[in-house]
Amino acid sequence: MKKVKVLFLITAVMVTLVIAGCGVVIDVPITPSTGPIRICTNSPSIYGNLYVDNSSWGIIDGANVVGTSCLGGTVTFGRTYFVEVVDYSFGTGSYCCRYITPQFSGQVFYLP
């Protein structure tokens, strides 16, 4: 009878240790957060197609003559984007090149 109690106690301790040492890990990939940002300019010398990572966002116009001085789009936060403005009427960019890294929704970047 004493051997059965000792065996039961050892078994109970072993089961408790096994259960305590086991854990369930749920591996779920973290999806990057996305949201809207705006790119603006007040410079009348900046005019042309606004490209963000070679994707056209439309015509930006610092003088507000034929376009708007702010354009918006959806981006992934924490990712770095290449921004350029190309004016095809002259064949060269009226503003070349800036890197931006959006951090939050509604963030506004200004092209000088």
Protein backbone atom coordinates (compact mmCIF):
# COMPACT_ATOMS: atom_id res chain seq x y z
CA MET A 1 0.00 0.00 0.00
CA LYS A 2 2.86 2.31 0.81
CA LYS A 3 4.47 1.58 -2.59
CA VAL A 4 1.20 2.52 -4.35
CA LYS A 5 1.04 5.88 -2.53
CA VAL A 6 4.67 6.65 -3.39
CA LEU A 7 4.10 5.61 -7.01
CA PHE A 8 0.93 7.75 -7.18
CA LEU A 9 2.76 10.74 -5.66
CA ILE A 10 5.67 10.41 -8.10
CA THR A 11 3.23 10.12 -11.02
CA ALA A 12 1.30 13.18 -9.85
CA VAL A 13 4.51 15.21 -9.53
CA MET A 14 5.70 14.10 -13.00
CA VAL A 15 2.37 14.94 -14.63
CA THR A 16 2.35 18.35 -12.93
CA LEU A 17 5.90 19.06 -14.13
CA VAL A 18 5.06 18.01 -17.69
CA ILE A 19 1.93 20.16 -17.77
CA ALA A 20 3.75 23.15 -16.24
CA GLY A 21 6.56 22.86 -18.79
CA CYS A 22 4.26 22.71 -21.79
CA GLY A 23 2.90 25.80 -23.42
CA VAL A 24 1.03 26.59 -26.54
CA VAL A 25 2.56 29.16 -28.85
CA ILE A 26 0.32 30.51 -31.53
CA ASP A 27 2.48 31.86 -34.33
CA VAL A 28 0.47 34.46 -36.19
CA PRO A 29 2.25 36.71 -38.68
CA ILE A 30 1.97 40.40 -37.88
CA THR A 31 0.35 42.19 -40.76
CA PRO A 32 1.87 45.58 -41.49
CA SER A 33 -0.33 48.52 -40.66
CA THR A 34 -1.46 50.69 -43.56
CA GLY A 35 -3.18 54.04 -43.77
CA PRO A 36 -3.44 57.36 -45.57
CA ILE A 37 -0.75 60.05 -45.79
CA ARG A 38 -0.47 63.31 -47.73
CA ILE A 39 2.39 64.82 -49.68
CA CYS A 40 2.20 68.60 -50.09
CA THR A 41 4.19 71.53 -51.45
CA ASN A 42 3.94 75.31 -51.24
CA SER A 43 6.71 75.87 -53.77
CA PRO A 44 5.47 77.28 -57.10
CA SER A 45 8.50 75.73 -58.80
CA ILE A 46 7.26 72.21 -58.06
CA TYR A 47 4.87 70.96 -60.72
CA GLY A 48 4.36 67.57 -62.35
CA ASN A 49 3.39 63.97 -61.77
CA LEU A 50 4.01 62.83 -58.20
CA TYR A 51 5.47 59.34 -58.06
CA VAL A 52 5.79 57.31 -54.88
CA ASP A 53 7.91 54.20 -55.52
CA ASN A 54 7.22 54.58 -59.26
CA SER A 55 3.45 54.66 -58.68
CA SER A 56 1.72 57.82 -59.90
CA TRP A 57 -0.40 59.65 -57.34
CA GLY A 58 -1.47 62.40 -59.75
CA ILE A 59 -0.38 65.91 -60.64
CA ILE A 60 0.96 68.09 -57.85
CA ASP A 61 1.22 71.85 -58.35
CA GLY A 62 2.76 74.14 -55.76
CA ALA A 63 1.26 77.20 -57.46
CA ASN A 64 -2.27 75.68 -57.54
CA VAL A 65 -2.68 76.63 -61.21
CA VAL A 66 -3.55 73.31 -62.87
CA GLY A 67 -3.36 70.90 -59.98
CA THR A 68 -3.54 70.64 -56.24
CA SER A 69 -0.74 71.37 -53.80
CA CYS A 70 -1.49 68.20 -51.77
CA LEU A 71 -2.01 64.62 -52.86
CA GLY A 72 -2.83 61.63 -50.71
CA GLY A 73 -2.50 57.90 -50.87
CA THR A 74 -2.34 54.74 -48.79
CA VAL A 75 1.02 53.43 -47.59
CA THR A 76 2.46 50.83 -45.26
CA PHE A 77 3.80 52.41 -42.07
CA GLY A 78 7.47 51.90 -41.26
CA ARG A 79 8.39 51.28 -44.90
CA THR A 80 10.65 53.72 -46.77
CA TYR A 81 9.30 55.17 -50.03
CA PHE A 82 11.05 57.00 -52.87
CA VAL A 83 9.24 60.23 -53.83
CA GLU A 84 9.84 62.24 -57.00
CA VAL A 85 8.00 64.80 -59.11
CA VAL A 86 8.48 64.60 -62.87
CA ASP A 87 7.41 67.38 -65.23
CA TYR A 88 7.14 65.78 -68.65
CA SER A 89 6.58 69.11 -70.41
CA PHE A 90 10.28 69.87 -69.96
CA GLY A 91 11.47 66.26 -69.88
CA THR A 92 13.11 66.63 -66.49
CA GLY A 93 11.94 66.41 -62.93
CA SER A 94 11.00 69.70 -61.35
CA TYR A 95 11.74 68.10 -58.00
CA CYS A 96 13.93 65.12 -57.67
CA CYS A 97 13.98 62.71 -55.09
CA ARG A 98 13.31 62.31 -51.45
CA TYR A 99 12.89 59.29 -49.22
CA ILE A 100 10.04 59.25 -46.73
CA THR A 101 9.15 56.76 -44.00
CA PRO A 102 5.54 57.21 -42.86
CA GLN A 103 4.91 56.37 -39.20
CA PHE A 104 1.23 57.12 -38.59
CA SER A 105 -2.10 57.71 -40.30
CA GLY A 106 -2.67 61.23 -41.58
CA GLN A 107 1.01 62.15 -41.59
CA VAL A 108 1.86 65.02 -43.96
CA PHE A 109 5.16 65.34 -45.82
CA TYR A 110 6.18 68.65 -47.42
CA LEU A 111 8.32 68.98 -50.53
CA PRO A 112 10.41 72.15 -50.20
